[in-house]
PDB file of N, CA and C in Angstrom:
ATOM      1  N   MET A   1       0.834  -1.260   0.151  1.00  0.00           N
ATOM      2  CA  MET A   1      -0.098   0.317   0.111  1.00  0.00           C
ATOM      3  C   MET A   1       1.021   1.412  -0.070  1.00  0.00           C
ATOM      4  N   GLN A   2       0.213   2.544  -0.124  1.00  0.00           N
ATOM      5  CA  GLN A   2       0.975   3.762  -0.626  1.00  0.00           C
ATOM      6  C   GLN A   2      -0.142   4.634   0.360  1.00  0.00           C
ATOM      7  N   CYS A   3       0.970   5.387   1.291  1.00  0.00           N
ATOM      8  CA  CYS A   3       0.222   6.328   1.738  1.00  0.00           C
ATOM      9  C   CYS A   3       1.322   7.738   1.452  1.00  0.00           C
ATOM     10  N   LEU A   4       0.651   8.900   1.967  1.00  0.00           N
ATOM     11  CA  LEU A   4       1.732   9.838   1.784  1.00  0.00           C
ATOM     12  C   LEU A   4       1.933  11.011   3.152  1.00  0.00           C
ATOM     13  N   ILE A   5       3.135  10.972   3.282  1.00  0.00           N
ATOM     14  CA  ILE A   5       3.506  11.503   4.392  1.00  0.00           C
ATOM     15  C   ILE A   5       4.366  13.024   4.021  1.00  0.00           C
ATOM     16  N   ASP A   6       3.974  14.070   4.574  1.00  0.00           N
ATOM     17  CA  ASP A   6       4.807  15.286   4.111  1.00  0.00           C
ATOM     18  C   ASP A   6       4.782  15.346   2.781  1.00  0.00           C
ATOM     19  N   GLY A   7       3.708  14.887   1.783  1.00  0.00           N
ATOM     20  CA  GLY A   7       3.436  14.954   0.591  1.00  0.00           C
ATOM     21  C   GLY A   7       4.058  14.091  -0.301  1.00  0.00           C
ATOM     22  N   ARG A   8       4.690  13.202   0.147  1.00  0.00           N
ATOM     23  CA  ARG A   8       5.680  11.529  -0.304  1.00  0.00           C
ATOM     24  C   ARG A   8       5.099  10.958  -0.079  1.00  0.00           C
ATOM     25  N   ALA A   9       5.077  10.118  -1.252  1.00  0.00           N
ATOM     26  CA  ALA A   9       4.558   8.548  -1.342  1.00  0.00           C
ATOM     27  C   ALA A   9       5.698   7.670  -0.354  1.00  0.00           C
ATOM     28  N   VAL A  10       4.806   7.124   0.362  1.00  0.00           N
ATOM     29  CA  VAL A  10       5.701   6.066   1.180  1.00  0.00           C
ATOM     30  C   VAL A  10       5.135   5.132   0.987  1.00  0.00           C
ATOM     31  N   HIS A  11       5.709   3.523   0.584  1.00  0.00           N
ATOM     32  CA  HIS A  11       5.384   2.125   0.313  1.00  0.00           C
ATOM     33  C   HIS A  11       5.834   1.451   1.692  1.00  0.00           C
ATOM     34  N   VAL A  12       4.593   0.701   1.894  1.00  0.00           N
ATOM     35  CA  VAL A  12       4.330  -0.084   3.289  1.00  0.00           C
ATOM     36  C   VAL A  12       3.758  -1.386   2.990  1.00  0.00           C
ATOM     37  N   ALA A  13       4.971  -2.605   2.832  1.00  0.00           N
ATOM     38  CA  ALA A  13       4.263  -4.095   2.711  1.00  0.00           C
ATOM     39  C   ALA A  13       3.386  -4.155   3.792  1.00  0.00           C
ATOM     40  N   CYS A  14       2.330  -4.769   3.495  1.00  0.00           N
ATOM     41  CA  CYS A  14       1.303  -5.660   5.087  1.00  0.00           C
ATOM     42  C   CYS A  14       1.302  -6.614   4.794  1.00  0.00           C
ATOM     43  N   VAL A  15       0.687  -6.881   5.683  1.00  0.00           N
ATOM     44  CA  VAL A  15       0.164  -8.446   6.044  1.00  0.00           C
ATOM     45  C   VAL A  15      -0.776  -8.693   6.969  1.00  0.00           C
ATOM     46  N   ALA A  16      -1.972  -8.875   6.877  1.00  0.00           N
ATOM     47  CA  ALA A  16      -3.035  -8.366   7.906  1.00  0.00           C
ATOM     48  C   ALA A  16      -4.019 -10.309   7.650  1.00  0.00           C
ATOM     49  N   PRO A  17      -3.714 -10.751   9.018  1.00  0.00           N
ATOM     50  CA  PRO A  17      -4.271 -11.904   9.302  1.00  0.00           C
ATOM     51  C   PRO A  17      -5.743 -12.209   8.593  1.00  0.00           C
ATOM     52  N   GLN A  18      -6.438 -13.185   8.953  1.00  0.00           N
ATOM     53  CA  GLN A  18      -7.584 -13.582   8.180  1.00  0.00           C
ATOM     54  C   GLN A  18      -8.863 -12.998   9.126  1.00  0.00           C
ATOM     55  N   ALA A  19      -8.537 -12.648  10.514  1.00  0.00           N
ATOM     56  CA  ALA A  19      -9.638 -12.540  11.390  1.00  0.00           C
ATOM     57  C   ALA A  19      -9.572 -10.893  10.849  1.00  0.00           C
ATOM     58  N   ALA A  20     -10.515  -9.947  11.378  1.00  0.00           N
ATOM     59  CA  ALA A  20     -11.067  -9.006  10.916  1.00  0.00           C
ATOM     60  C   ALA A  20     -10.506  -7.991  11.790  1.00  0.00           C
ATOM     61  N   SER A  21      -9.619  -8.563  12.924  1.00  0.00           N
ATOM     62  CA  SER A  21      -8.613  -7.507  13.328  1.00  0.00           C
ATOM     63  C   SER A  21      -7.935  -8.434  14.634  1.00  0.00           C
ATOM     64  N   ALA A  22      -6.451  -7.935  14.482  1.00  0.00           N
ATOM     65  CA  ALA A  22      -5.498  -8.336  15.319  1.00  0.00           C
ATOM     66  C   ALA A  22      -5.065  -8.135  16.558  1.00  0.00           C
ATOM     67  N   ALA A  23      -5.092  -8.743  17.411  1.00  0.00           N
ATOM     68  CA  ALA A  23      -4.707  -8.219  18.666  1.00  0.00           C
ATOM     69  C   ALA A  23      -3.271  -7.294  18.767  1.00  0.00           C
ATOM     70  N   HIS A  24      -2.402  -7.915  18.031  1.00  0.00           N
ATOM     71  CA  HIS A  24      -1.236  -7.447  18.030  1.00  0.00           C
ATOM     72  C   HIS A  24      -0.502  -7.158  16.779  1.00  0.00           C
ATOM     73  N   VAL A  25       0.659  -5.987  17.146  1.00  0.00           N
ATOM     74  CA  VAL A  25       0.476  -5.143  15.861  1.00  0.00           C
ATOM     75  C   VAL A  25       2.114  -5.087  15.535  1.00  0.00           C
ATOM     76  N   VAL A  26       2.729  -5.559  14.667  1.00  0.00           N
ATOM     77  CA  VAL A  26       4.237  -5.479  14.435  1.00  0.00           C
ATOM     78  C   VAL A  26       4.633  -4.551  13.560  1.00  0.00           C
ATOM     79  N   VAL A  27       5.659  -3.567  13.522  1.00  0.00           N
ATOM     80  CA  VAL A  27       6.152  -2.798  12.660  1.00  0.00           C
ATOM     81  C   VAL A  27       7.426  -3.249  11.966  1.00  0.00           C
ATOM     82  N   LEU A  28       8.186  -3.760  10.991  1.00  0.00           N
ATOM     83  CA  LEU A  28       9.490  -4.198  11.079  1.00  0.00           C
ATOM     84  C   LEU A  28      10.118  -2.859  10.008  1.00  0.00           C
ATOM     85  N   VAL A  29      11.463  -1.944  10.827  1.00  0.00           N
ATOM     86  CA  VAL A  29      11.761  -1.341   9.650  1.00  0.00           C
ATOM     87  C   VAL A  29      13.253  -1.645   9.579  1.00  0.00           C
ATOM     88  N   HIS A  30      13.713  -1.694   8.354  1.00  0.00           N
ATOM     89  CA  HIS A  30      14.876  -2.396   7.331  1.00  0.00           C
ATOM     90  C   HIS A  30      15.886  -0.941   8.015  1.00  0.00           C
ATOM     91  N   GLY A  31      17.104  -1.522   7.612  1.00  0.00           N
ATOM     92  CA  GLY A  31      18.212  -0.251   7.762  1.00  0.00           C
ATOM     93  C   GLY A  31      18.518   0.273   7.030  1.00  0.00           C
ATOM     94  N   ALA A  32      19.899   1.032   6.683  1.00  0.00           N
ATOM     95  CA  ALA A  32      20.299   1.873   5.632  1.00  0.00           C
ATOM     96  C   ALA A  32      20.347   0.934   4.728  1.00  0.00           C
ATOM     97  N   GLY A  33      19.985   1.423   3.319  1.00  0.00           N
ATOM     98  CA  GLY A  33      20.440   0.606   2.055  1.00  0.00           C
ATOM     99  C   GLY A  33      19.598  -0.361   2.057  1.00  0.00           C
ATOM    100  N   ASN A  34      18.421  -0.680   2.614  1.00  0.00           N
ATOM    101  CA  ASN A  34      17.623  -1.367   2.546  1.00  0.00           C
ATOM    102  C   ASN A  34      16.079  -1.057   2.246  1.00  0.00           C
ATOM    103  N   ASP A  35      15.136  -2.003   2.155  1.00  0.00           N
ATOM    104  CA  ASP A  35      13.855  -1.958   1.901  1.00  0.00           C
ATOM    105  C   ASP A  35      12.855  -3.039   2.397  1.00  0.00           C
ATOM    106  N   HIS A  36      11.804  -3.119   2.205  1.00  0.00           N
ATOM    107  CA  HIS A  36      10.490  -3.707   3.074  1.00  0.00           C
ATOM    108  C   HIS A  36      11.187  -5.368   2.518  1.00  0.00           C
ATOM    109  N   ARG A  37      11.967  -5.533   1.574  1.00  0.00           N
ATOM    110  CA  ARG A  37      12.007  -7.147   0.974  1.00  0.00           C
ATOM    111  C   ARG A  37      13.082  -7.661   1.989  1.00  0.00           C
ATOM    112  N   ALA A  38      13.807  -6.745   2.841  1.00  0.00           N
ATOM    113  CA  ALA A  38      14.355  -7.236   4.039  1.00  0.00           C
ATOM    114  C   ALA A  38      13.831  -8.148   4.719  1.00  0.00           C
ATOM    115  N   TRP A  39      12.614  -8.055   5.017  1.00  0.00           N
ATOM    116  CA  TRP A  39      11.713  -8.475   6.120  1.00  0.00           C
ATOM    117  C   TRP A  39      11.128  -9.518   5.483  1.00  0.00           C
ATOM    118  N   GLN A  40      11.109  -9.931   4.046  1.00  0.00           N
ATOM    119  CA  GLN A  40       9.881 -10.830   3.217  1.00  0.00           C
ATOM    120  C   GLN A  40       9.797 -12.442   3.859  1.00  0.00           C
ATOM    121  N   PRO A  41      10.365 -13.163   4.201  1.00  0.00           N
ATOM    122  CA  PRO A  41      10.270 -14.435   5.290  1.00  0.00           C
ATOM    123  C   PRO A  41       9.609 -13.908   6.669  1.00  0.00           C
ATOM    124  N   LEU A  42      10.004 -13.187   7.085  1.00  0.00           N
ATOM    125  CA  LEU A  42       9.540 -13.194   8.723  1.00  0.00           C
ATOM    126  C   LEU A  42       7.984 -12.289   8.213  1.00  0.00           C
ATOM    127  N   LEU A  43       8.310 -11.603   7.516  1.00  0.00           N
ATOM    128  CA  LEU A  43       6.821 -10.600   7.336  1.00  0.00           C
ATOM    129  C   LEU A  43       5.432 -11.958   6.717  1.00  0.00           C
ATOM    130  N   HIS A  44       5.547 -12.456   5.987  1.00  0.00           N
ATOM    131  CA  HIS A  44       4.843 -13.659   6.059  1.00  0.00           C
ATOM    132  C   HIS A  44       4.240 -14.761   7.325  1.00  0.00           C
ATOM    133  N   GLY A  45       5.556 -15.005   7.759  1.00  0.00           N
ATOM    134  CA  GLY A  45       5.678 -15.901   8.941  1.00  0.00           C
ATOM    135  C   GLY A  45       4.701 -15.330   9.736  1.00  0.00           C
ATOM    136  N   LEU A  46       4.980 -14.004  10.399  1.00  0.00           N
ATOM    137  CA  LEU A  46       4.175 -13.460  11.425  1.00  0.00           C
ATOM    138  C   LEU A  46       3.172 -13.239  11.131  1.00  0.00           C
ATOM    139  N   GLY A  47       2.663 -12.948   9.529  1.00  0.00           N
ATOM    140  CA  GLY A  47       1.323 -12.841   9.396  1.00  0.00           C
ATOM    141  C   GLY A  47       0.386 -14.072   9.586  1.00  0.00           C
ATOM    142  N   GLN A  48       1.243 -14.983   9.004  1.00  0.00           N
ATOM    143  CA  GLN A  48       0.557 -16.581   8.965  1.00  0.00           C
ATOM    144  C   GLN A  48       0.260 -16.902  10.796  1.00  0.00           C
ATOM    145  N   ALA A  49       0.912 -16.608  11.868  1.00  0.00           N
ATOM    146  CA  ALA A  49       0.851 -16.838  12.952  1.00  0.00           C
ATOM    147  C   ALA A  49      -0.297 -15.881  13.669  1.00  0.00           C
ATOM    148  N   GLY A  50      -0.862 -14.950  12.435  1.00  0.00           N
ATOM    149  CA  GLY A  50      -1.820 -14.059  13.228  1.00  0.00           C
ATOM    150  C   GLY A  50      -1.738 -12.651  13.958  1.00  0.00           C
ATOM    151  N   LEU A  51      -0.674 -12.433  13.274  1.00  0.00           N
ATOM    152  CA  LEU A  51       0.046 -10.930  13.492  1.00  0.00           C
ATOM    153  C   LEU A  51      -0.553  -9.834  12.202  1.00  0.00           C
ATOM    154  N   ALA A  52      -0.935  -8.820  12.578  1.00  0.00           N
ATOM    155  CA  ALA A  52      -0.687  -7.752  11.515  1.00  0.00           C
ATOM    156  C   ALA A  52       0.810  -7.423  11.818  1.00  0.00           C
ATOM    157  N   VAL A  53       0.822  -7.268  10.186  1.00  0.00           N
ATOM    158  CA  VAL A  53       2.312  -6.750  10.146  1.00  0.00           C
ATOM    159  C   VAL A  53       2.761  -5.432   9.119  1.00  0.00           C
ATOM    160  N   TYR A  54       3.423  -4.847   9.043  1.00  0.00           N
ATOM    161  CA  TYR A  54       3.661  -3.674   8.655  1.00  0.00           C
ATOM    162  C   TYR A  54       4.875  -3.170   7.933  1.00  0.00           C
ATOM    163  N   ALA A  55       5.403  -3.230   6.955  1.00  0.00           N
ATOM    164  CA  ALA A  55       7.342  -2.887   6.825  1.00  0.00           C
ATOM    165  C   ALA A  55       6.502  -1.920   5.558  1.00  0.00           C
ATOM    166  N   PRO A  56       7.368  -0.793   6.603  1.00  0.00           N
ATOM    167  CA  PRO A  56       7.375   0.283   5.334  1.00  0.00           C
ATOM    168  C   PRO A  56       8.680   0.730   4.235  1.00  0.00           C
ATOM    169  N   ASP A  57       8.729   1.364   3.635  1.00  0.00           N
ATOM    170  CA  ASP A  57      10.239   1.477   2.816  1.00  0.00           C
ATOM    171  C   ASP A  57      10.406   3.331   3.662  1.00  0.00           C
ATOM    172  N   LEU A  58      11.643   3.459   3.955  1.00  0.00           N
ATOM    173  CA  LEU A  58      12.035   4.761   4.325  1.00  0.00           C
ATOM    174  C   LEU A  58      12.278   5.606   3.376  1.00  0.00           C
ATOM    175  N   PRO A  59      12.085   6.901   3.445  1.00  0.00           N
ATOM    176  CA  PRO A  59      12.196   8.107   2.345  1.00  0.00           C
ATOM    177  C   PRO A  59      13.530   7.085   1.595  1.00  0.00           C
ATOM    178  N   GLY A  60      13.726   7.178   0.526  1.00  0.00           N
ATOM    179  CA  GLY A  60      14.610   7.066  -0.431  1.00  0.00           C
ATOM    180  C   GLY A  60      15.028   5.678  -0.768  1.00  0.00           C
ATOM    181  N   HIS A  61      14.127   4.711  -0.253  1.00  0.00           N
ATOM    182  CA  HIS A  61      14.607   3.289  -0.423  1.00  0.00           C
ATOM    183  C   HIS A  61      13.293   3.029  -0.636  1.00  0.00           C
ATOM    184  N   GLY A  62      13.660   1.512  -1.633  1.00  0.00           N
ATOM    185  CA  GLY A  62      12.445   0.614  -2.428  1.00  0.00           C
ATOM    186  C   GLY A  62      12.016   1.643  -3.163  1.00  0.00           C
ATOM    187  N   ALA A  63      10.145   1.844  -2.897  1.00  0.00           N
ATOM    188  CA  ALA A  63       9.171   2.398  -3.566  1.00  0.00           C
ATOM    189  C   ALA A  63       8.912   3.723  -3.475  1.00  0.00           C
ATOM    190  N   SER A  64       9.558   4.050  -2.136  1.00  0.00           N
ATOM    191  CA  SER A  64       9.258   5.339  -1.418  1.00  0.00           C
ATOM    192  C   SER A  64       9.825   6.588  -1.794  1.00  0.00           C
ATOM    193  N   GLU A  65       9.524   7.794  -2.050  1.00  0.00           N
ATOM    194  CA  GLU A  65       9.634   8.928  -2.478  1.00  0.00           C
ATOM    195  C   GLU A  65      10.797   9.545  -1.506  1.00  0.00           C
ATOM    196  N   GLY A  66      11.593  10.093  -2.033  1.00  0.00           N
ATOM    197  CA  GLY A  66      12.520  11.429  -1.276  1.00  0.00           C
ATOM    198  C   GLY A  66      13.817  10.786  -1.209  1.00  0.00           C
ATOM    199  N   PRO A  67      14.385  11.782  -0.430  1.00  0.00           N
ATOM    200  CA  PRO A  67      16.320  11.917  -0.742  1.00  0.00           C
ATOM    201  C   PRO A  67      16.633  10.207   0.472  1.00  0.00           C
ATOM    202  N   LEU A  68      17.484   9.776  -0.476  1.00  0.00           N
ATOM    203  CA  LEU A  68      18.115   8.588   0.012  1.00  0.00           C
ATOM    204  C   LEU A  68      18.815   8.916   1.423  1.00  0.00           C
ATOM    205  N   LEU A  69      18.522   8.066   2.381  1.00  0.00           N
ATOM    206  CA  LEU A  69      19.073   8.108   3.775  1.00  0.00           C
ATOM    207  C   LEU A  69      20.194   7.432   3.726  1.00  0.00           C
ATOM    208  N   ARG A  70      21.494   7.726   3.564  1.00  0.00           N
ATOM    209  CA  ARG A  70      22.303   6.439   3.579  1.00  0.00           C
ATOM    210  C   ARG A  70      22.836   6.223   5.113  1.00  0.00           C
ATOM    211  N   SER A  71      22.609   6.708   6.309  1.00  0.00           N
ATOM    212  CA  SER A  71      23.208   6.346   7.442  1.00  0.00           C
ATOM    213  C   SER A  71      22.185   5.969   8.466  1.00  0.00           C
ATOM    214  N   VAL A  72      21.988   5.284   9.785  1.00  0.00           N
ATOM    215  CA  VAL A  72      21.309   5.581  10.596  1.00  0.00           C
ATOM    216  C   VAL A  72      21.134   7.161  11.169  1.00  0.00           C
ATOM    217  N   GLY A  73      22.387   7.888  11.272  1.00  0.00           N
ATOM    218  CA  GLY A  73      22.272   9.138  11.586  1.00  0.00           C
ATOM    219  C   GLY A  73      21.248  10.007  10.935  1.00  0.00           C
ATOM    220  N   GLU A  74      21.398   9.766   9.826  1.00  0.00           N
ATOM    221  CA  GLU A  74      20.555  10.842   8.847  1.00  0.00           C
ATOM    222  C   GLU A  74      19.211  10.296   8.768  1.00  0.00           C
ATOM    223  N   MET A  75      19.195   8.698   9.178  1.00  0.00           N
ATOM    224  CA  MET A  75      17.260   8.606   9.683  1.00  0.00           C
ATOM    225  C   MET A  75      16.860   9.013  10.619  1.00  0.00           C
ATOM    226  N   ALA A  76      17.757   9.331  11.792  1.00  0.00           N
ATOM    227  CA  ALA A  76      16.875   9.550  13.126  1.00  0.00           C
ATOM    228  C   ALA A  76      16.761  11.376  13.052  1.00  0.00           C
TER     229      ALA A  76
END
């Protein structure tokens, strides 16, 4: 899915459980130079366990717009 933050498109991979609502939500945040695909195996495994899971692409990474942030310090 895509959402807008400060006018920029942000890509978020999400897995929702079969039930209408999940009791627990997990947000997976990748490191510098990666995107949501770093979490693919875990993303689906947690979803199959009944958790709602979201993995955004940080600015400039993956399918998200914005300047590429190359270090953890730039992301903070």
